Protein backbone atom coordinates (compact mmCIF):
# COMPACT_ATOMS: atom_id res chain seq x y z
CA UNK A 1 90.04 130.00 84.88
CA UNK A 2 90.10 131.56 88.12
CA UNK A 3 89.05 131.03 91.68
CA UNK A 4 88.31 133.26 93.95
CA UNK A 5 89.29 131.92 97.20
CA UNK A 6 92.08 129.07 97.59
CA UNK A 7 92.91 127.76 101.23
CA UNK A 8 96.35 126.30 101.74
CA UNK A 9 98.76 125.00 103.99
CA UNK A 10 101.57 122.94 104.41
CA UNK A 11 101.54 119.01 106.20
CA UNK A 12 104.07 117.90 107.83
CA UNK A 13 104.04 114.83 105.20
CA UNK A 14 101.62 113.50 102.47
CA UNK A 15 99.74 111.22 104.65
CA UNK A 16 98.36 114.04 107.01
CA UNK A 17 95.31 116.16 105.65
CA UNK A 18 94.57 119.71 106.53
CA UNK A 19 91.64 119.38 109.00
CA UNK A 20 91.49 123.35 109.82
CA UNK A 21 90.93 124.15 105.72
CA UNK A 22 88.43 121.66 105.53
CA UNK A 23 86.20 123.28 108.45
CA UNK A 24 87.07 126.66 107.05
CA UNK A 25 85.74 125.41 103.32
CA UNK A 26 82.66 123.40 104.73
CA UNK A 27 81.44 126.84 106.48
CA UNK A 28 82.20 129.11 103.47
CA UNK A 29 78.43 128.88 102.08
CA UNK A 30 77.73 130.06 98.75
CA UNK A 31 81.10 131.15 98.42
CA UNK A 32 82.55 127.40 98.76
CA UNK A 33 81.48 127.11 94.70
CA UNK A 34 84.58 129.75 94.22
CA UNK A 35 86.92 128.57 96.52
CA UNK A 36 89.59 125.44 96.16
CA UNK A 37 91.52 123.70 98.47
CA UNK A 38 95.26 123.43 97.65
CA UNK A 39 97.30 121.06 100.20
CA UNK A 40 101.24 120.82 100.09
CA UNK A 41 103.86 119.21 102.51
CA UNK A 42 106.79 120.28 103.74
CA UNK A 43 108.88 119.03 100.59
CA UNK A 44 107.42 121.59 97.90
CA UNK A 45 109.86 124.23 96.79
CA UNK A 46 108.39 127.74 98.00
CA UNK A 47 108.24 128.92 94.20
CA UNK A 48 106.55 125.67 92.85
CA UNK A 49 103.77 126.34 95.89
CA UNK A 50 103.19 129.99 95.00
CA UNK A 51 103.10 129.28 90.89
CA UNK A 52 99.91 126.53 92.02
CA UNK A 53 98.70 128.70 94.20
CA UNK A 54 98.62 132.17 91.72
CA UNK A 55 97.36 129.87 88.76
CA UNK A 56 93.88 130.23 89.49
CA UNK A 57 94.26 134.18 89.93
CA UNK A 58 92.54 133.73 93.34
CA UNK A 59 91.65 137.25 94.89
CA UNK A 60 92.10 135.82 98.07
CA UNK A 61 94.73 133.17 99.60
CA UNK A 62 94.14 131.85 102.97
CA UNK A 63 97.16 130.13 104.82
CA UNK A 64 97.04 127.82 107.54
CA UNK A 65 100.02 128.80 109.92
CA UNK A 66 101.35 125.74 112.25
CA UNK A 67 104.57 125.22 114.19
CA UNK A 68 105.77 122.62 111.69
CA UNK A 69 105.12 124.80 108.73
CA UNK A 70 105.69 128.61 109.10
CA UNK A 71 109.23 128.86 108.05
CA UNK A 72 107.91 127.94 104.24
CA UNK A 73 104.53 129.55 104.99
CA UNK A 74 106.13 132.90 105.67
CA UNK A 75 108.61 131.78 102.33
CA UNK A 76 105.39 131.15 100.23
CA UNK A 77 103.37 134.19 101.52
CA UNK A 78 106.58 136.46 100.65
CA UNK A 79 106.36 135.28 97.00
CA UNK A 80 102.84 135.91 96.70
CA UNK A 81 103.14 139.51 97.79
CA UNK A 82 106.19 139.79 95.37
CA UNK A 83 104.44 138.56 92.46
CA UNK A 84 100.86 139.39 92.70
CA UNK A 85 100.48 142.04 95.66
CA UNK A 86 96.71 142.59 94.67
CA UNK A 87 96.24 139.33 96.19
CA UNK A 88 94.72 139.62 100.13
CA UNK A 89 96.31 137.14 102.06
CA UNK A 90 94.84 135.76 105.46
CA UNK A 91 96.41 133.95 107.96
CA UNK A 92 94.79 131.53 110.64
CA UNK A 93 95.98 128.97 112.75
CA UNK A 94 97.40 128.03 116.27
CA UNK A 95 100.98 129.65 114.99
CA UNK A 96 100.08 133.10 114.28
CA UNK A 97 97.38 133.23 116.56
CA UNK A 98 99.51 134.59 119.18
CA UNK A 99 102.34 137.19 119.44
CA UNK A 100 101.09 137.74 115.80
CA UNK A 101 102.91 141.11 114.78
CA UNK A 102 105.73 139.61 116.08
CA UNK A 103 106.40 137.21 113.44
CA UNK A 104 108.00 137.68 110.00
CA UNK A 105 105.03 136.33 107.91
CA UNK A 106 102.49 139.05 109.55
CA UNK A 107 104.38 141.88 106.94
CA UNK A 108 102.99 139.93 104.09
CA UNK A 109 99.05 139.44 105.47
CA UNK A 110 96.19 141.60 104.68
CA UNK A 111 94.40 140.03 107.54
CA UNK A 112 95.10 137.91 110.42
CA UNK A 113 92.12 135.62 112.21
CA UNK A 114 92.86 134.82 115.24
CA UNK A 115 90.92 131.78 117.08
CA UNK A 116 88.48 129.48 115.56
CA UNK A 117 87.73 130.95 112.03
CA UNK A 118 84.76 128.78 110.46
CA UNK A 119 82.54 132.15 110.85
CA UNK A 120 84.59 134.65 110.58
CA UNK A 121 86.46 133.43 107.75
CA UNK A 122 83.04 133.19 105.45
CA UNK A 123 82.46 137.03 106.75
CA UNK A 124 85.54 138.35 105.99
CA UNK A 125 85.87 136.78 102.56
CA UNK A 126 82.45 138.39 101.55
CA UNK A 127 83.65 141.77 102.88
CA UNK A 128 86.45 141.38 100.52
CA UNK A 129 84.58 140.14 97.22
CA UNK A 130 81.60 142.11 97.92
CA UNK A 131 83.07 145.46 99.10
CA UNK A 132 80.58 148.37 98.26
CA UNK A 133 77.33 146.37 98.01
CA UNK A 134 74.60 145.86 100.55
CA UNK A 135 76.05 142.40 101.44
CA UNK A 136 79.35 143.36 102.25
CA UNK A 137 78.22 146.29 104.30
CA UNK A 138 76.12 144.03 106.35
CA UNK A 139 79.00 141.34 106.75
CA UNK A 140 81.59 144.38 107.68
CA UNK A 141 79.18 145.40 110.71
CA UNK A 142 79.09 141.77 111.90
CA UNK A 143 83.03 141.58 111.77
CA UNK A 144 84.99 142.94 114.84
CA UNK A 145 88.62 144.14 113.71
CA UNK A 146 91.04 146.08 115.33
CA UNK A 147 93.75 147.68 113.37
CA UNK A 148 97.68 146.62 113.74
CA UNK A 149 100.57 147.83 112.22
CA UNK A 150 100.80 148.55 108.37
CA UNK A 151 96.88 149.14 108.29
CA UNK A 152 96.89 145.48 108.68
CA UNK A 153 93.61 144.21 110.23
CA UNK A 154 93.31 141.29 112.83
CA UNK A 155 90.06 139.42 114.02
CA UNK A 156 90.09 137.84 117.20
CA UNK A 157 87.41 135.09 116.94
CA UNK A 158 85.47 133.93 119.56
CA UNK A 159 84.93 130.22 119.97
CA UNK A 160 82.41 129.19 117.61
CA UNK A 161 78.98 127.18 118.54
CA UNK A 162 79.78 123.51 117.39
CA UNK A 163 76.53 123.03 117.48
CA UNK A 164 75.73 125.57 114.64
CA UNK A 165 79.00 125.26 112.32
CA UNK A 166 78.94 122.57 109.11
CA UNK A 167 80.72 119.50 109.42
CA UNK A 168 83.72 118.66 107.14
CA UNK A 169 83.91 115.52 106.64
CA UNK A 170 82.30 115.37 102.89
CA UNK A 171 85.25 117.29 101.34
CA UNK A 172 87.40 114.36 102.51
CA UNK A 173 88.14 112.87 98.64
CA UNK A 174 88.17 109.28 97.95
CA UNK A 175 92.01 109.54 97.56
CA UNK A 176 92.31 111.00 101.07
CA UNK A 177 90.55 108.19 102.53
CA UNK A 178 92.24 105.27 100.57
CA UNK A 179 95.86 106.98 101.40
CA UNK A 180 95.68 109.65 104.34
CA UNK A 181 95.07 110.05 107.77
CA UNK A 182 91.04 111.04 108.40
CA UNK A 183 91.04 113.46 111.15
CA UNK A 184 87.86 113.74 113.08
CA UNK A 185 86.40 115.56 116.07
CA UNK A 186 83.82 114.97 118.94
CA UNK A 187 84.41 117.84 121.04
CA UNK A 188 86.65 121.32 121.31
CA UNK A 189 88.31 122.51 124.07
CA UNK A 190 89.97 121.25 127.44
CA UNK A 191 89.19 121.69 130.91
CA UNK A 192 92.71 121.42 132.35
CA UNK A 193 95.28 124.27 132.66
CA UNK A 194 98.49 123.04 132.02
CA UNK A 195 100.70 125.43 131.06
CA UNK A 196 102.80 123.97 128.24
CA UNK A 197 99.82 123.19 126.07
CA UNK A 198 97.73 126.11 123.81
CA UNK A 199 94.43 123.88 124.97
CA UNK A 200 94.77 125.32 128.36
CA UNK A 201 93.89 128.60 126.79
CA UNK A 202 90.10 127.28 125.71
CA UNK A 203 88.96 125.89 129.30
CA UNK A 204 85.40 125.23 128.01
CA UNK A 205 84.59 121.72 126.49
CA UNK A 206 82.01 122.26 123.53
CA UNK A 207 80.32 118.67 122.17
CA UNK A 208 79.33 118.46 118.62
CA UNK A 209 75.72 117.16 118.35
CA UNK A 210 75.89 113.30 118.52
CA UNK A 211 73.63 112.38 115.84
CA UNK A 212 75.26 114.87 113.54
CA UNK A 213 78.65 113.69 114.00
CA UNK A 214 78.03 109.93 113.75
CA UNK A 215 75.64 110.31 110.62
CA UNK A 216 79.17 111.87 109.59
CA UNK A 217 81.04 109.20 110.77
CA UNK A 218 78.83 106.65 109.05
CA UNK A 219 78.90 108.03 105.92
CA UNK A 220 83.13 108.04 106.19
CA UNK A 221 83.02 104.30 107.05
CA UNK A 222 80.71 103.66 104.31
CA UNK A 223 83.18 105.22 101.55
CA UNK A 224 85.97 103.14 103.06
CA UNK A 225 87.50 105.15 105.96
CA UNK A 226 89.22 102.76 108.67
CA UNK A 227 91.54 104.95 110.64
CA UNK A 228 89.81 107.95 112.42
CA UNK A 229 92.27 109.87 114.41
CA UNK A 230 89.90 112.26 117.08
CA UNK A 231 91.62 115.73 117.58
CA UNK A 232 89.85 116.05 120.61
CA UNK A 233 92.02 116.96 123.93
CA UNK A 234 90.30 115.19 126.08
CA UNK A 235 88.23 112.43 124.93
CA UNK A 236 87.31 110.38 128.04
CA UNK A 237 86.31 113.55 130.05
CA UNK A 238 82.29 113.20 129.62
CA UNK A 239 81.90 108.80 130.12
CA UNK A 240 78.64 108.65 128.67
CA UNK A 241 80.00 110.72 125.54
CA UNK A 242 82.91 108.49 125.06
CA UNK A 243 81.07 105.34 125.42
CA UNK A 244 78.25 106.47 123.13
CA UNK A 245 81.15 106.98 120.20
CA UNK A 246 82.91 103.54 121.23
CA UNK A 247 79.67 101.66 120.90
CA UNK A 248 78.59 103.38 117.60
CA UNK A 249 82.55 102.10 116.32
CA UNK A 250 82.71 98.32 117.74
CA UNK A 251 78.86 98.11 116.22
CA UNK A 252 80.82 99.08 113.13
CA UNK A 253 84.03 97.25 113.61
CA UNK A 254 85.76 95.93 110.13
CA UNK A 255 89.43 94.72 110.02
CA UNK A 256 92.21 97.24 109.98
CA UNK A 257 89.80 99.89 111.53
CA UNK A 258 91.91 102.09 114.02
CA UNK A 259 90.78 104.91 116.35
CA UNK A 260 93.06 107.25 117.99
CA UNK A 261 92.36 109.25 121.05
CA UNK A 262 93.93 111.19 123.44
CA UNK A 263 92.90 110.26 126.91
CA UNK A 264 93.60 111.07 130.29
CA UNK A 265 95.20 108.45 132.33
CA UNK A 266 93.42 108.59 135.67
CA UNK A 267 89.89 109.03 134.22
CA UNK A 268 88.98 105.03 133.07
CA UNK A 269 86.49 103.83 135.41
CA UNK A 270 85.40 100.69 135.30
CA UNK A 271 82.75 101.63 132.53
CA UNK A 272 84.81 102.86 130.44
CA UNK A 273 87.88 99.83 130.78
CA UNK A 274 85.00 97.36 129.81
CA UNK A 275 83.49 98.90 127.00
CA UNK A 276 87.56 98.92 125.88
CA UNK A 277 87.87 95.32 126.44
CA UNK A 278 85.44 94.29 124.24
CA UNK A 279 86.86 96.42 121.46
CA UNK A 280 89.20 94.08 119.22
CA UNK A 281 92.72 94.12 119.31
CA UNK A 282 94.43 96.64 117.26
CA UNK A 283 91.13 98.79 116.88
CA UNK A 284 91.95 101.24 119.68
CA UNK A 285 95.28 103.61 119.92
CA UNK A 286 95.42 106.18 123.07
CA UNK A 287 97.59 108.52 123.49
CA UNK A 288 98.09 108.97 127.08
CA UNK A 289 99.82 112.20 128.20
CA UNK A 290 101.99 111.97 131.44
CA UNK A 291 104.42 114.65 130.96
CA UNK A 292 106.23 114.30 134.29
CA UNK A 293 105.99 111.73 137.20
CA UNK A 294 107.57 114.73 139.53
CA UNK A 295 104.64 115.69 141.67
CA UNK A 296 106.39 119.14 142.38
CA UNK A 297 107.02 119.84 138.81
CA UNK A 298 103.36 118.75 137.87
CA UNK A 299 102.00 121.24 140.07
CA UNK A 300 104.14 123.85 138.94
CA UNK A 301 102.78 123.74 135.43
CA UNK A 302 99.35 123.09 136.54
CA UNK A 303 99.08 119.35 135.28
CA UNK A 304 96.70 117.08 137.26
CA UNK A 305 98.59 114.17 138.63
CA UNK A 306 97.63 111.10 140.45
CA UNK A 307 100.03 108.58 140.00
CA UNK A 308 98.17 105.53 141.78
CA UNK A 309 95.70 106.05 139.01
CA UNK A 310 97.41 106.81 136.36
CA UNK A 311 99.71 103.13 136.87
CA UNK A 312 96.84 101.03 138.08
CA UNK A 313 94.65 102.53 134.93
CA UNK A 314 97.95 101.55 132.58
CA UNK A 315 98.60 97.89 134.25
CA UNK A 316 94.83 97.35 133.15
CA UNK A 317 95.17 98.52 129.37
CA UNK A 318 97.88 96.61 128.77
CA UNK A 319 96.97 93.40 130.83
CA UNK A 320 93.49 93.26 130.17
CA UNK A 321 92.83 95.40 127.02
CA UNK A 322 94.15 94.95 123.39
CA UNK A 323 94.99 99.16 123.18
CA UNK A 324 98.10 100.25 121.66
CA UNK A 325 99.01 102.81 124.13
CA UNK A 326 101.24 106.14 122.93
CA UNK A 327 102.58 107.61 126.28
CA UNK A 328 104.14 111.12 126.44
CA UNK A 329 106.85 112.57 128.58
CA UNK A 330 108.25 116.07 128.17
CA UNK A 331 112.03 116.77 129.27
CA UNK A 332 112.53 120.38 129.91
CA UNK A 333 109.92 121.33 132.27
CA UNK A 334 110.94 123.79 134.95
CA UNK A 335 112.23 122.19 137.75
CA UNK A 336 112.61 118.55 136.48
CA UNK A 337 116.57 117.61 136.60
CA UNK A 338 117.93 114.93 134.43
CA UNK A 339 117.74 112.63 137.32
CA UNK A 340 114.07 113.00 137.93
CA UNK A 341 113.23 112.73 134.04
CA UNK A 342 115.21 109.47 134.57
CA UNK A 343 113.38 108.28 137.50
CA UNK A 344 110.25 109.13 135.65
CA UNK A 345 110.83 107.51 132.33
CA UNK A 346 112.09 104.19 134.00
CA UNK A 347 108.80 104.46 135.90
CA UNK A 348 107.35 104.28 132.69
CA UNK A 349 108.71 102.10 130.99
CA UNK A 350 107.81 99.64 133.46
CA UNK A 351 104.10 100.22 132.79
CA UNK A 352 105.15 98.56 129.37
CA UNK A 353 103.57 100.86 127.25
CA UNK A 354 103.89 100.09 123.17
CA UNK A 355 105.22 103.57 122.77
CA UNK A 356 106.84 106.22 124.85
CA UNK A 357 107.04 109.39 122.86
CA UNK A 358 109.73 111.54 124.35
CA UNK A 359 109.06 115.17 123.61
CA UNK A 360 111.51 118.37 124.18
CA UNK A 361 109.79 121.16 125.74
CA UNK A 362 108.30 123.67 123.24
CA UNK A 363 107.34 127.63 123.97
CA UNK A 364 104.47 127.33 122.25
CA UNK A 365 103.01 130.73 121.49
CA UNK A 366 100.83 132.06 123.77
CA UNK A 367 101.07 129.31 126.12
CA UNK A 368 101.38 130.24 130.01
CA UNK A 369 104.43 127.99 130.09
CA UNK A 370 106.79 131.22 129.84
CA UNK A 371 105.95 132.80 132.91
CA UNK A 372 108.80 130.14 134.64
CA UNK A 373 111.17 131.70 131.66
CA UNK A 374 113.09 133.78 134.18
CA UNK A 375 113.15 131.88 137.88
CA UNK A 376 114.19 128.67 135.99
CA UNK A 377 116.63 130.36 133.39
CA UNK A 378 114.72 128.58 130.28
CA UNK A 379 116.20 129.42 127.22
CA UNK A 380 114.32 128.33 124.01
CA UNK A 381 115.31 128.18 120.35
CA UNK A 382 114.12 131.92 118.42
CA UNK A 383 113.63 128.95 115.32
CA UNK A 384 110.32 126.88 115.01
CA UNK A 385 109.38 124.62 116.60
CA UNK A 386 110.95 126.78 119.79
CA UNK A 387 112.22 123.81 121.75
CA UNK A 388 114.17 124.39 125.23
CA UNK A 389 118.19 124.86 124.56
CA UNK A 390 118.91 124.76 128.26
CA UNK A 391 117.61 125.72 131.73
CA UNK A 392 118.87 126.16 135.50
CA UNK A 393 118.94 122.35 135.89
CA UNK A 394 119.78 120.90 132.51
CA UNK A 395 122.71 122.48 130.43
CA UNK A 396 122.77 122.71 126.75
CA UNK A 397 124.74 119.88 126.37
CA UNK A 398 122.89 117.06 128.08
CA UNK A 399 119.62 118.69 126.52
CA UNK A 400 120.81 117.79 123.06
CA UNK A 401 122.01 114.14 124.74
CA UNK A 402 118.02 114.07 125.73
CA UNK A 403 117.31 115.03 122.15
CA UNK A 404 119.13 112.62 120.40
CA UNK A 405 117.68 109.97 122.98
CA UNK A 406 114.63 110.87 121.96
CA UNK A 407 115.27 110.36 118.56
CA UNK A 408 117.10 107.15 119.06
CA UNK A 409 114.47 105.98 120.94
CA UNK A 410 111.84 106.47 118.48
CA UNK A 411 114.03 104.80 115.77
CA UNK A 412 115.22 101.80 117.98
CA UNK A 413 111.98 101.14 120.08
CA UNK A 414 108.90 103.00 118.91
CA UNK A 415 108.71 102.05 115.71
CA UNK A 416 108.97 98.09 116.53
CA UNK A 417 111.17 97.74 114.19
CA UNK A 418 113.38 95.69 117.05
CA UNK A 419 110.39 94.10 119.00
CA UNK A 420 112.97 91.64 120.83
CA UNK A 421 116.42 92.66 120.45
CA UNK A 422 116.02 96.44 121.54
CA UNK A 423 115.09 95.33 124.92
CA UNK A 424 118.54 93.87 125.23
CA UNK A 425 119.56 97.35 125.58
CA UNK A 426 118.70 97.62 128.97
CA UNK A 427 118.06 94.17 130.00
CA UNK A 428 119.35 93.39 134.07
CA UNK A 429 120.47 97.47 133.89
CA UNK A 430 119.72 98.76 137.19
CA UNK A 431 118.34 102.21 135.29
CA UNK A 432 116.75 101.49 131.69
CA UNK A 433 117.60 105.22 131.02
CA UNK A 434 121.08 105.09 131.59
CA UNK A 435 121.17 102.13 129.62
CA UNK A 436 119.69 103.33 126.74
CA UNK A 437 121.33 106.63 126.73
CA UNK A 438 124.73 104.48 126.35
CA UNK A 439 123.48 103.31 123.25
CA UNK A 440 122.24 106.79 122.06
CA UNK A 441 125.97 108.25 122.95
CA UNK A 442 127.13 105.32 121.31
CA UNK A 443 125.05 105.37 118.08
CA UNK A 444 125.55 109.35 117.41
CA UNK A 445 129.33 108.76 117.78
CA UNK A 446 129.89 105.92 115.14
CA UNK A 447 126.76 106.99 112.80
CA UNK A 448 127.67 110.97 113.00
CA UNK A 449 123.91 111.91 112.51
CA UNK A 450 120.41 111.43 114.19
CA UNK A 451 118.80 111.66 110.90
CA UNK A 452 116.88 108.92 108.88
CA UNK A 453 119.51 105.41 109.13
CA UNK A 454 118.57 102.98 106.70
CA UNK A 455 117.28 99.96 108.59
CA UNK A 456 119.96 97.63 107.71
CA UNK A 457 122.54 99.83 108.76
CA UNK A 458 120.88 100.27 111.85
CA UNK A 459 120.22 96.55 112.55
CA UNK A 460 124.38 96.37 111.88
CA UNK A 461 124.86 98.76 114.51
CA UNK A 462 122.79 97.39 117.27
CA UNK A 463 124.59 93.73 116.52
CA UNK A 464 127.84 95.85 116.90
CA UNK A 465 126.70 97.46 120.07
CA UNK A 466 125.08 94.90 121.58
CA UNK A 467 128.10 92.33 121.08
CA UNK A 468 130.96 94.51 121.48
CA UNK A 469 129.77 96.83 124.02
CA UNK A 470 127.33 94.60 126.09
CA UNK A 471 128.90 91.32 125.71
CA UNK A 472 126.12 89.51 124.16
CA UNK A 473 126.93 86.33 122.44
CA UNK A 474 127.37 86.95 118.48
CA UNK A 475 125.03 84.19 117.87
CA UNK A 476 122.52 84.98 120.11
CA UNK A 477 122.64 88.59 119.16
CA UNK A 478 122.50 87.85 115.47
CA UNK A 479 119.81 85.51 115.63
CA UNK A 480 117.46 88.12 117.78
CA UNK A 481 117.94 90.93 115.75
CA UNK A 482 117.51 88.97 112.58
CA UNK A 483 114.31 87.58 113.47
CA UNK A 484 113.24 91.00 114.20
CA UNK A 485 114.43 92.56 111.03
CA UNK A 486 113.11 90.00 108.43
CA UNK A 487 109.42 90.93 109.99
CA UNK A 488 107.04 91.87 107.02
CA UNK A 489 109.55 91.15 104.22
CA UNK A 490 112.10 93.61 104.31
CA UNK A 491 114.57 94.13 101.74
CA UNK A 492 118.24 93.98 102.32
CA UNK A 493 120.70 91.84 104.61
CA UNK A 494 123.01 93.35 107.04
CA UNK A 495 126.14 91.90 107.23
CA UNK A 496 126.01 90.00 110.41
CA UNK A 497 122.91 87.74 108.62
CA UNK A 498 125.27 87.08 105.75
CA UNK A 499 127.94 86.55 108.30
CA UNK A 500 126.09 83.65 109.96
CA UNK A 501 124.63 82.57 107.12
CA UNK A 502 120.84 83.76 108.20
CA UNK A 503 118.45 83.67 105.70
CA UNK A 504 114.86 84.88 104.79
CA UNK A 505 111.77 83.43 106.28
CA UNK A 506 108.74 84.55 103.84
CA UNK A 507 106.47 86.72 106.57
CA UNK A 508 103.08 87.32 105.86
CA UNK A 509 102.79 90.90 107.62
CA UNK A 510 99.69 91.86 110.13
CA UNK A 511 97.85 89.13 111.08
CA UNK A 512 94.53 91.86 111.09
CA UNK A 513 94.19 92.68 107.17
CA UNK A 514 94.77 96.47 106.42
CA UNK A 515 96.24 97.14 110.09
CA UNK A 516 98.89 99.71 110.34
CA UNK A 517 102.45 98.32 110.08
CA UNK A 518 103.70 99.79 113.18
CA UNK A 519 100.77 98.79 115.51
CA UNK A 520 101.33 95.12 114.15
CA UNK A 521 105.01 94.90 114.84
CA UNK A 522 104.29 95.74 118.60
CA UNK A 523 101.26 93.15 118.96
CA UNK A 524 104.33 90.64 119.02
CA UNK A 525 105.43 91.79 122.28
């Protein structure tokens, strides 16, 4: 069997889906019948991926390149070219759209599409498949290509008219809907110029026709979809637009439904807040990018920052709504010292979001943040994901400690596994950040890794730290950690539980059927 076009990429894990590839597939027109989509995750061996991709003898292989998969994608592209040099490799995605010719994978490509590819990929495929006939000649005239090294051609695609492209939602399979994240979008672009973010390069916000997307969302709900992850960069820029989508889902709410939105924290007017209040507990998850509380740093990287509004809105969300808040901070921004970052972390923690995601600054290809590298002596890893190693204010050793802090915060706090016992780490401490850093340093010293630490082992470590380092009464510590641990009938029993004769009490799981366990655990706070 032969398939002319294979669209492939490597997702971070199985539970993710390749939204970009589905957008390309949906816009192939008559070529869609000659194409197939193959998704892998990062655990796949390059030879296995190459074998499956080439099994149908494709004439074109399109590879989606992202910061998390570029090393694996490079290995697979190299194998494809060695095994089947006549196969045309077309690269696309944010990682290959900037500094294109500097990347190793570029040498294996026949064509590269920089930017949004729904229109240009289809045109390119027609040219490659029908070269020489009238249709191909017509398609070739429409494609603006610039010659690059080694005779390659790079397409610089313009932002598409989102009202004109086909929506990809019918391409989600029943298995996708049952077991994987369903990514959707209502808009593209971002009006802000935050220099660490690739969205700063696309300042025009384009909205999909409301009638079209709501019809598609309704079909997904009818097919059983319950988790919708909106990839819009700034969902609440247009308040009436956001309200209409919220009203739509609220009217169709079913137990277990969860909507994930990226929100700007200083734009939550009363009408939007009132609509959010009316949504059931657990229905909404807001990813709120704070990034820094240092006004000078925010101004330097062109990040809008209204601290008063941010704090007021965050408090209202926690006190008046059932929203699950996932908030972001970035360590390593130019001009942000360790002391400044500590102050910002403590300030954010006081607002009591369910999760604080601590990110280490990355030098994304094409992002304007690089203009500060010389002045602030910013040194980044040469390997994806290009995290900062040190700058003039935070040396490498301290940046390593921050990275471990971020990892252990996710394991101990964000995951919701120790919802009552984790706060004992910083209870009554003048600086929660310093207190948790003590736990982070101690845990790394005794565990010797930041990798996956089995939950029973992590619980035992937490017991030892709280009782031996913090002086907590052993029975109190054991009881508190055990109450957290035994939620959702987790297997195993840490050594401290055996010592104090603590037994399991069966737990029925989330109070809302179908609710994601991580969000459900945080509702106990």
